[in-house]
C-alpha cells in the first residue's frame, strides 16, 4: 500500500510541478498536497519527526485526499480576488461585487458548491495570509485545532487549493466529500 502511495505521490508531484511554468502562482501547491497526504497517513509520526505540536482534537491515520480541479478553481478565484485588493477585507465570504456569480450569495459555501456541482457536501475552506512555503502553511494548520480538525477529518475525500505569492501571500484551500447522506 505504501509503495503505491509513494509512486502516486511522485507522479502527482511531477505533474503538479511541471505545470508550474504555465502558472507561476501555484508552484508550491503540489508540495503542499504531498505533505498534507503524508500527514494524513501518519499524523503522530509526521508531527513527531518535525517536532511540531499536534492540535487536532482526535485523530488517527486517514486515507489520502484526491485533488479536485473544481476546488482548485474555486480557491484560485477567491485567492486572486483577495490578492487584487478588490475585496473590502480578507475573509471567507466572496467579494460583494462577485456574489451575483454564485446565485446572489456571498457565502463561501455557495461559491464552492457552484464550482464542484451537485453531489458534494461537508465543504470547508481555509485562508492563510503571509505564508509562502507549503511546510510553514501546513505547520500552521496542524498547530491550530480548528484547522487541524478540518484537514484531518476522515469524512472528506477531496482537496484543492491556490497559493498567490505576492506581497500578501494568500493561500486558499478547500475540502469536500462526495459521501453525502440523504
C-alpha atoms as a PDB file:
ATOM      1  CA  UNK A   1       0.000   0.000   0.000  1.00  0.00           C
ATOM      2  CA  UNK A   2       2.738   2.476   0.924  1.00  0.00           C
ATOM      3  CA  UNK A   3       4.724   1.725  -2.243  1.00  0.00           C
ATOM      4  CA  UNK A   4       1.692   2.525  -4.392  1.00  0.00           C
ATOM      5  CA  UNK A   5       1.182   5.745  -2.399  1.00  0.00           C
ATOM      6  CA  UNK A   6       4.789   6.840  -2.998  1.00  0.00           C
ATOM      7  CA  UNK A   7       4.507   6.091  -6.712  1.00  0.00           C
ATOM      8  CA  UNK A   8       1.287   8.137  -6.904  1.00  0.00           C
ATOM      9  CA  UNK A   9       2.905  10.959  -4.931  1.00  0.00           C
ATOM     10  CA  UNK A  10       5.939  11.030  -7.214  1.00  0.00           C
ATOM     11  CA  UNK A  11       3.766  11.132 -10.336  1.00  0.00           C
ATOM     12  CA  UNK A  12       1.446  13.746  -8.863  1.00  0.00           C
ATOM     13  CA  UNK A  13       4.298  15.938  -7.648  1.00  0.00           C
ATOM     14  CA  UNK A  14       5.951  15.789 -11.072  1.00  0.00           C
ATOM     15  CA  UNK A  15       2.648  16.625 -12.777  1.00  0.00           C
ATOM     16  CA  UNK A  16       1.916  19.490 -10.385  1.00  0.00           C
ATOM     17  CA  UNK A  17       5.400  20.958 -10.667  1.00  0.00           C
ATOM     18  CA  UNK A  18       5.652  20.532 -14.450  1.00  0.00           C
ATOM     19  CA  UNK A  19       2.615  22.790 -14.829  1.00  0.00           C
ATOM     20  CA  UNK A  20       4.302  25.482 -12.759  1.00  0.00           C
ATOM     21  CA  UNK A  21       5.868  27.123 -15.827  1.00  0.00           C
ATOM     22  CA  UNK A  22       2.385  27.759 -17.199  1.00  0.00           C
ATOM     23  CA  UNK A  23       1.025  29.130 -13.911  1.00  0.00           C
ATOM     24  CA  UNK A  24       3.783  30.628 -11.736  1.00  0.00           C
ATOM     25  CA  UNK A  25       1.272  31.422  -8.991  1.00  0.00           C
ATOM     26  CA  UNK A  26       0.815  27.792  -7.926  1.00  0.00           C
ATOM     27  CA  UNK A  27       4.364  26.426  -7.913  1.00  0.00           C
ATOM     28  CA  UNK A  28       4.135  25.162  -4.322  1.00  0.00           C
ATOM     29  CA  UNK A  29       0.680  23.629  -4.273  1.00  0.00           C
ATOM     30  CA  UNK A  30       1.861  20.143  -5.345  1.00  0.00           C
ATOM     31  CA  UNK A  31       4.324  20.108  -2.445  1.00  0.00           C
ATOM     32  CA  UNK A  32       1.533  21.116  -0.064  1.00  0.00           C
ATOM     33  CA  UNK A  33      -0.725  18.297  -1.343  1.00  0.00           C
ATOM     34  CA  UNK A  34       2.071  15.764  -0.898  1.00  0.00           C
ATOM     35  CA  UNK A  35       2.914  16.916   2.631  1.00  0.00           C
ATOM     36  CA  UNK A  36      -0.762  17.007   3.650  1.00  0.00           C
ATOM     37  CA  UNK A  37      -1.301  13.440   2.472  1.00  0.00           C
ATOM     38  CA  UNK A  38       1.826  12.260   4.279  1.00  0.00           C
ATOM     39  CA  UNK A  39       0.439  13.902   7.430  1.00  0.00           C
ATOM     40  CA  UNK A  40      -2.961  12.220   6.929  1.00  0.00           C
ATOM     41  CA  UNK A  41      -1.383   8.752   6.644  1.00  0.00           C
ATOM     42  CA  UNK A  42       0.517   9.012   9.944  1.00  0.00           C
ATOM     43  CA  UNK A  43      -0.309  12.233  11.821  1.00  0.00           C
ATOM     44  CA  UNK A  44       1.529  11.365  15.018  1.00  0.00           C
ATOM     45  CA  UNK A  45       4.670  10.173  13.241  1.00  0.00           C
ATOM     46  CA  UNK A  46       4.655  13.115  10.820  1.00  0.00           C
ATOM     47  CA  UNK A  47       4.460  15.732  13.578  1.00  0.00           C
ATOM     48  CA  UNK A  48       6.885  13.882  15.871  1.00  0.00           C
ATOM     49  CA  UNK A  49       9.515  13.728  13.096  1.00  0.00           C
ATOM     50  CA  UNK A  50       9.300  17.508  12.741  1.00  0.00           C
ATOM     51  CA  UNK A  51       8.918  18.395  16.420  1.00  0.00           C
ATOM     52  CA  UNK A  52       5.530  20.037  15.771  1.00  0.00           C
ATOM     53  CA  UNK A  53       2.626  20.279  18.201  1.00  0.00           C
ATOM     54  CA  UNK A  54      -0.446  18.313  17.016  1.00  0.00           C
ATOM     55  CA  UNK A  55      -3.565  20.333  17.865  1.00  0.00           C
ATOM     56  CA  UNK A  56      -6.280  18.044  16.421  1.00  0.00           C
ATOM     57  CA  UNK A  57      -8.989  17.117  18.920  1.00  0.00           C
ATOM     58  CA  UNK A  58      -8.821  13.447  17.899  1.00  0.00           C
ATOM     59  CA  UNK A  59      -7.003  11.862  15.017  1.00  0.00           C
ATOM     60  CA  UNK A  60      -5.809   8.619  13.537  1.00  0.00           C
ATOM     61  CA  UNK A  61      -4.365   7.762  10.151  1.00  0.00           C
ATOM     62  CA  UNK A  62      -6.709   8.535   7.275  1.00  0.00           C
ATOM     63  CA  UNK A  63      -6.879   7.896   3.563  1.00  0.00           C
ATOM     64  CA  UNK A  64      -5.153  10.361   1.300  1.00  0.00           C
ATOM     65  CA  UNK A  65      -7.150  13.138  -0.327  1.00  0.00           C
ATOM     66  CA  UNK A  66      -7.658  13.359  -4.066  1.00  0.00           C
ATOM     67  CA  UNK A  67      -7.223  16.641  -5.894  1.00  0.00           C
ATOM     68  CA  UNK A  68     -10.451  18.008  -7.341  1.00  0.00           C
ATOM     69  CA  UNK A  69      -9.782  20.591 -10.057  1.00  0.00           C
ATOM     70  CA  UNK A  70     -13.087  22.355  -9.331  1.00  0.00           C
ATOM     71  CA  UNK A  71     -11.848  23.058  -5.782  1.00  0.00           C
ATOM     72  CA  UNK A  72      -8.602  24.400  -7.213  1.00  0.00           C
ATOM     73  CA  UNK A  73     -10.637  26.706  -9.461  1.00  0.00           C
ATOM     74  CA  UNK A  74     -12.819  27.910  -6.575  1.00  0.00           C
ATOM     75  CA  UNK A  75      -9.736  28.516  -4.425  1.00  0.00           C
ATOM     76  CA  UNK A  76      -7.912  30.301  -7.248  1.00  0.00           C
ATOM     77  CA  UNK A  77     -10.895  32.572  -7.906  1.00  0.00           C
ATOM     78  CA  UNK A  78     -11.066  33.612  -4.261  1.00  0.00           C
ATOM     79  CA  UNK A  79      -7.291  33.932  -3.842  1.00  0.00           C
ATOM     80  CA  UNK A  80      -6.994  36.138  -6.931  1.00  0.00           C
ATOM     81  CA  UNK A  81      -9.815  38.453  -5.860  1.00  0.00           C
ATOM     82  CA  UNK A  82      -8.358  38.761  -2.345  1.00  0.00           C
ATOM     83  CA  UNK A  83      -4.841  39.395  -3.646  1.00  0.00           C
ATOM     84  CA  UNK A  84      -6.059  42.026  -6.108  1.00  0.00           C
ATOM     85  CA  UNK A  85      -7.387  44.203  -3.293  1.00  0.00           C
ATOM     86  CA  UNK A  86     -10.889  44.146  -4.781  1.00  0.00           C
ATOM     87  CA  UNK A  87     -12.407  42.933  -1.522  1.00  0.00           C
ATOM     88  CA  UNK A  88     -13.023  45.340   1.346  1.00  0.00           C
ATOM     89  CA  UNK A  89     -11.457  42.836   3.775  1.00  0.00           C
ATOM     90  CA  UNK A  90      -9.829  39.418   3.840  1.00  0.00           C
ATOM     91  CA  UNK A  91     -12.444  36.818   4.781  1.00  0.00           C
ATOM     92  CA  UNK A  92     -14.100  33.640   3.561  1.00  0.00           C
ATOM     93  CA  UNK A  93     -17.096  35.374   2.005  1.00  0.00           C
ATOM     94  CA  UNK A  94     -16.944  36.076  -1.705  1.00  0.00           C
ATOM     95  CA  UNK A  95     -16.225  39.726  -2.526  1.00  0.00           C
ATOM     96  CA  UNK A  96     -19.543  41.609  -2.752  1.00  0.00           C
ATOM     97  CA  UNK A  97     -19.110  42.584  -6.412  1.00  0.00           C
ATOM     98  CA  UNK A  98     -18.936  38.873  -7.387  1.00  0.00           C
ATOM     99  CA  UNK A  99     -21.832  37.484  -5.338  1.00  0.00           C
ATOM    100  CA  UNK A 100     -24.074  37.587  -8.414  1.00  0.00           C
ATOM    101  CA  UNK A 101     -21.916  34.822  -9.924  1.00  0.00           C
ATOM    102  CA  UNK A 102     -22.968  32.444  -7.145  1.00  0.00           C
ATOM    103  CA  UNK A 103     -26.753  32.838  -7.016  1.00  0.00           C
ATOM    104  CA  UNK A 104     -26.577  36.284  -5.401  1.00  0.00           C
ATOM    105  CA  UNK A 105     -24.871  34.719  -2.392  1.00  0.00           C
ATOM    106  CA  UNK A 106     -21.563  35.807  -0.887  1.00  0.00           C
ATOM    107  CA  UNK A 107     -21.257  32.612   1.190  1.00  0.00           C
ATOM    108  CA  UNK A 108     -18.052  30.665   0.624  1.00  0.00           C
ATOM    109  CA  UNK A 109     -20.184  27.508   0.671  1.00  0.00           C
ATOM    110  CA  UNK A 110     -22.256  28.678  -2.287  1.00  0.00           C
ATOM    111  CA  UNK A 111     -19.067  29.601  -4.150  1.00  0.00           C
ATOM    112  CA  UNK A 112     -17.510  26.185  -3.532  1.00  0.00           C
ATOM    113  CA  UNK A 113     -20.682  24.249  -4.367  1.00  0.00           C
ATOM    114  CA  UNK A 114     -21.186  26.260  -7.561  1.00  0.00           C
ATOM    115  CA  UNK A 115     -17.762  25.085  -8.719  1.00  0.00           C
ATOM    116  CA  UNK A 116     -17.988  21.430  -7.647  1.00  0.00           C
ATOM    117  CA  UNK A 117     -21.627  20.917  -8.617  1.00  0.00           C
ATOM    118  CA  UNK A 118     -24.258  18.686  -7.022  1.00  0.00           C
ATOM    119  CA  UNK A 119     -23.401  15.598  -5.021  1.00  0.00           C
ATOM    120  CA  UNK A 120     -20.792  17.156  -2.741  1.00  0.00           C
ATOM    121  CA  UNK A 121     -21.110  18.143   0.902  1.00  0.00           C
ATOM    122  CA  UNK A 122     -19.118  18.997   4.034  1.00  0.00           C
ATOM    123  CA  UNK A 123     -17.284  21.873   2.331  1.00  0.00           C
ATOM    124  CA  UNK A 124     -14.702  23.706   4.410  1.00  0.00           C
ATOM    125  CA  UNK A 125     -12.300  26.475   3.471  1.00  0.00           C
ATOM    126  CA  UNK A 126      -9.048  27.669   4.996  1.00  0.00           C
ATOM    127  CA  UNK A 127      -7.454  31.093   4.444  1.00  0.00           C
ATOM    128  CA  UNK A 128      -3.889  31.897   5.428  1.00  0.00           C
ATOM    129  CA  UNK A 129      -2.032  35.135   4.743  1.00  0.00           C
ATOM    130  CA  UNK A 130       1.663  35.907   4.808  1.00  0.00           C
ATOM    131  CA  UNK A 131       2.981  32.368   4.416  1.00  0.00           C
ATOM    132  CA  UNK A 132       4.812  31.287   1.267  1.00  0.00           C
ATOM    133  CA  UNK A 133       6.255  27.841   1.956  1.00  0.00           C
ATOM    134  CA  UNK A 134       3.996  24.759   1.947  1.00  0.00           C
ATOM    135  CA  UNK A 135       5.681  23.316   5.039  1.00  0.00           C
ATOM    136  CA  UNK A 136       5.055  26.504   7.040  1.00  0.00           C
ATOM    137  CA  UNK A 137       1.421  26.641   5.894  1.00  0.00           C
ATOM    138  CA  UNK A 138       0.878  23.003   6.875  1.00  0.00           C
ATOM    139  CA  UNK A 139       2.584  23.535  10.240  1.00  0.00           C
ATOM    140  CA  UNK A 140       0.224  26.435  10.977  1.00  0.00           C
ATOM    141  CA  UNK A 141      -2.787  24.276  10.067  1.00  0.00           C
ATOM    142  CA  UNK A 142      -1.629  21.336  12.196  1.00  0.00           C
ATOM    143  CA  UNK A 143      -0.985  23.574  15.199  1.00  0.00           C
ATOM    144  CA  UNK A 144      -4.446  25.170  15.102  1.00  0.00           C
ATOM    145  CA  UNK A 145      -7.154  22.868  16.477  1.00  0.00           C
ATOM    146  CA  UNK A 146      -9.946  24.044  14.169  1.00  0.00           C
ATOM    147  CA  UNK A 147      -7.792  23.864  11.053  1.00  0.00           C
ATOM    148  CA  UNK A 148      -6.235  20.575  12.111  1.00  0.00           C
ATOM    149  CA  UNK A 149      -9.688  19.065  12.578  1.00  0.00           C
ATOM    150  CA  UNK A 150     -10.624  20.163   9.051  1.00  0.00           C
ATOM    151  CA  UNK A 151      -7.568  18.762   7.266  1.00  0.00           C
ATOM    152  CA  UNK A 152      -7.526  15.512   9.248  1.00  0.00           C
ATOM    153  CA  UNK A 153     -11.236  14.670   9.049  1.00  0.00           C
ATOM    154  CA  UNK A 154     -11.971  11.139   7.897  1.00  0.00           C
ATOM    155  CA  UNK A 155     -15.196  12.439   6.327  1.00  0.00           C
ATOM    156  CA  UNK A 156     -13.547  14.359   3.477  1.00  0.00           C
ATOM    157  CA  UNK A 157     -12.138  12.885   0.265  1.00  0.00           C
ATOM    158  CA  UNK A 158     -11.181  15.809  -1.982  1.00  0.00           C
ATOM    159  CA  UNK A 159      -8.961  18.875  -1.764  1.00  0.00           C
ATOM    160  CA  UNK A 160      -7.961  21.831  -3.869  1.00  0.00           C
ATOM    161  CA  UNK A 161      -6.029  24.988  -3.194  1.00  0.00           C
ATOM    162  CA  UNK A 162      -4.304  28.034  -4.593  1.00  0.00           C
ATOM    163  CA  UNK A 163      -1.317  29.980  -3.321  1.00  0.00           C
ATOM    164  CA  UNK A 164      -0.816  33.526  -4.554  1.00  0.00           C
ATOM    165  CA  UNK A 165       2.753  34.624  -3.859  1.00  0.00           C
ATOM    166  CA  UNK A 166       2.677  38.395  -3.789  1.00  0.00           C
ATOM    167  CA  UNK A 167       3.262  40.954  -1.057  1.00  0.00           C
ATOM    168  CA  UNK A 168       0.331  39.441   0.878  1.00  0.00           C
ATOM    169  CA  UNK A 169       0.907  35.733   0.098  1.00  0.00           C
ATOM    170  CA  UNK A 170      -2.658  34.454   0.193  1.00  0.00           C
ATOM    171  CA  UNK A 171      -3.381  30.729   0.461  1.00  0.00           C
ATOM    172  CA  UNK A 172      -6.925  29.433  -0.038  1.00  0.00           C
ATOM    173  CA  UNK A 173      -7.598  25.737   0.472  1.00  0.00           C
ATOM    174  CA  UNK A 174     -10.907  23.860   0.346  1.00  0.00           C
ATOM    175  CA  UNK A 175     -12.073  20.314   1.042  1.00  0.00           C
ATOM    176  CA  UNK A 176     -15.322  18.436   0.299  1.00  0.00           C
ATOM    177  CA  UNK A 177     -16.845  14.985   0.422  1.00  0.00           C
ATOM    178  CA  UNK A 178     -18.996  13.102  -2.042  1.00  0.00           C
ATOM    179  CA  UNK A 179     -20.302  10.744   0.663  1.00  0.00           C
ATOM    180  CA  UNK A 180     -23.453  12.724   1.409  1.00  0.00           C
ATOM    181  CA  UNK A 181     -26.383  11.158   3.209  1.00  0.00           C
ATOM    182  CA  UNK A 182     -29.927  11.989   2.321  1.00  0.00           C
END
